[in-house]
Every structure is written in structure tokens, then in C-alpha cells.
Amino acid sequence: MDLAAAPSFRLDGRRALVTGAGRGIGLAAAAALAQAGAHVTLAARTKGEIEDAAAALRARGQTAEALVLDVSDVNAARQVVAAAAPFQILVNNAGMNRPAPLAEVTVEDFDAIFALNVRAAYFMAQAVAMRLVEAKLPGSIINISSQMGHVGAARRTVYCASKHAMEGFTKAMAIELAPHGIRVNTLGPTFVETPLTRPFFQNETFRKEVLSKIKLGRLGQVEDLTGAIVFLASDASALMTGSALVVDGGWTAE
């Protein structure tokens, strides 16, 4: 009797780059990848945060280093990636939102959101992918999207547009990069409680509105995403590319 072998979720010997890694989802992703055996580079603009985070990972016996980088500076990001050994895993996490009613959206806010969520994310993925192609190595690119890349929401017209754009370029990149063994997928969380978002949930009206749409009845925690990130980074998802893994507590099921 032939029994299927269990896939490995281990990432030993692989180099991972996580953007926006100083806090929240990015920091949780870096910690999970390091725990799975990856050599993790934590990238963010805030030097103190990522240096402390990398030191904490090293203190528990894992391999991590800090990289001070503003990913919206595309030329700087390209230079860093080109000069480094290839990253076989990218968690393209840096992003932002400036919620506003449609009538109050400014050109400045639109440009800022698209500059980070679309332009910077696109060219970071391009840089990592081209470095892998050059080195003839396979890899996994994980673009951190959102449930808002699949639905719409009031006060989030620009954010929704940016995440729908990410979903689109992810599929197209997956098609082009598949012959090189490079997989490209998105992870779409629901509202996740982090130091950045926690103050918003102190508004009881907003909290109730959000919880009314999350069918499992609770806010997401960063730990709810780490299993999915390790899955997408590892050989356990070897046949998965151009796909969206939505971790939303059932928000988009309706």
C-alpha cells in the first residue's frame, strides 16, 4: 500500500526577507519563519524596533538580522536585494491605510497608499524574483493583501483598490514566474488586533461593526496568520501559486 508522505513545513537553510517587520503581522511572520528554521532578515524604517526584534530571535537560538530600509524607495530596495544573497522567501508585508469617506479622499492620500501598497510591493517582489531567476533558485513570494482585496467597504475605497491591484499582479506574476519554480500567492487577513490597530477597536461602534461581519465572532490575532505564512513559504504548499489564502473568520463567505 502506497501512503502519501506528510509534507515538510521546515524552512532550514532558506533565506527569508520580511518587510514591515518591526511590529504586528510582519514581526509575527519573521518570528514564525525563524522558528521554522529560516534565516530571516527583518526590514523596516525604524532601526531600533527591528534591531531589538532580530536580537530577540537570536537570543532564542535562531538566525536573524536587521535591515533598515524604506521599501517605498524603489532604487534603494533594488540595490539591497541585488547586493544580498538571494531570498527564497519574501513576505511582502509593508502597507498602510488612511480610511476616509469617498468625498474626503485626497490625491495625497491616494498617492501615499498606492505608493506603498502597490508600487513598493510590486517592485520588491520583482527584485526578489529576478535575483532568484538569476541564481536559478526556486522561491515563494507571499504578498500580504487583505480581505479587502476581495470585497468592498465604506471609507476604504483607496485601500480596497490597492489590495485588489495586489491580487491582480500576484496572479500575473505567478504565471510568469512559474517556469522558474517561483511561487507567488497572497494572504488576506481580516481585521487583526495589533499595537497599531488596537486603539481603533476601543471605539465600540466600530468594534461591533467589525465583529458583526466576522462569522467566528472575534478579531484576528497575529498568531492566526503565522501558520498560513509558514505553509505558503514551505514545500507544504508546493503546488500553490497565483492563489489567495484568505484568513478572515468568514467575512468574505457572505
Foldseek 3Di string as FASTA:
>chain_A
DDDDDQFQLADAPAEEEFEPCLWFLNVLQQLLNQVSHYQYEYEEQDVVSQQVSQVVSVVVPTHYYYDHDDLLVLVVLLVVCLVDQAGQEYELEDADADFDAPVPDDPVRLCVRLSRLPVSSVSNVVSNLVSCLVVLHEHEYEYEAAVLLVPPDGRGPSNSVSRVNVLVVQLVVQVVRVVSNYAGEYEHEAAEDIPVCVVVCVPVVVVVVSQVLQQQRDHHYSVLCNVVSSCRGGCVCSVDHSYYHYHYNCNPVD
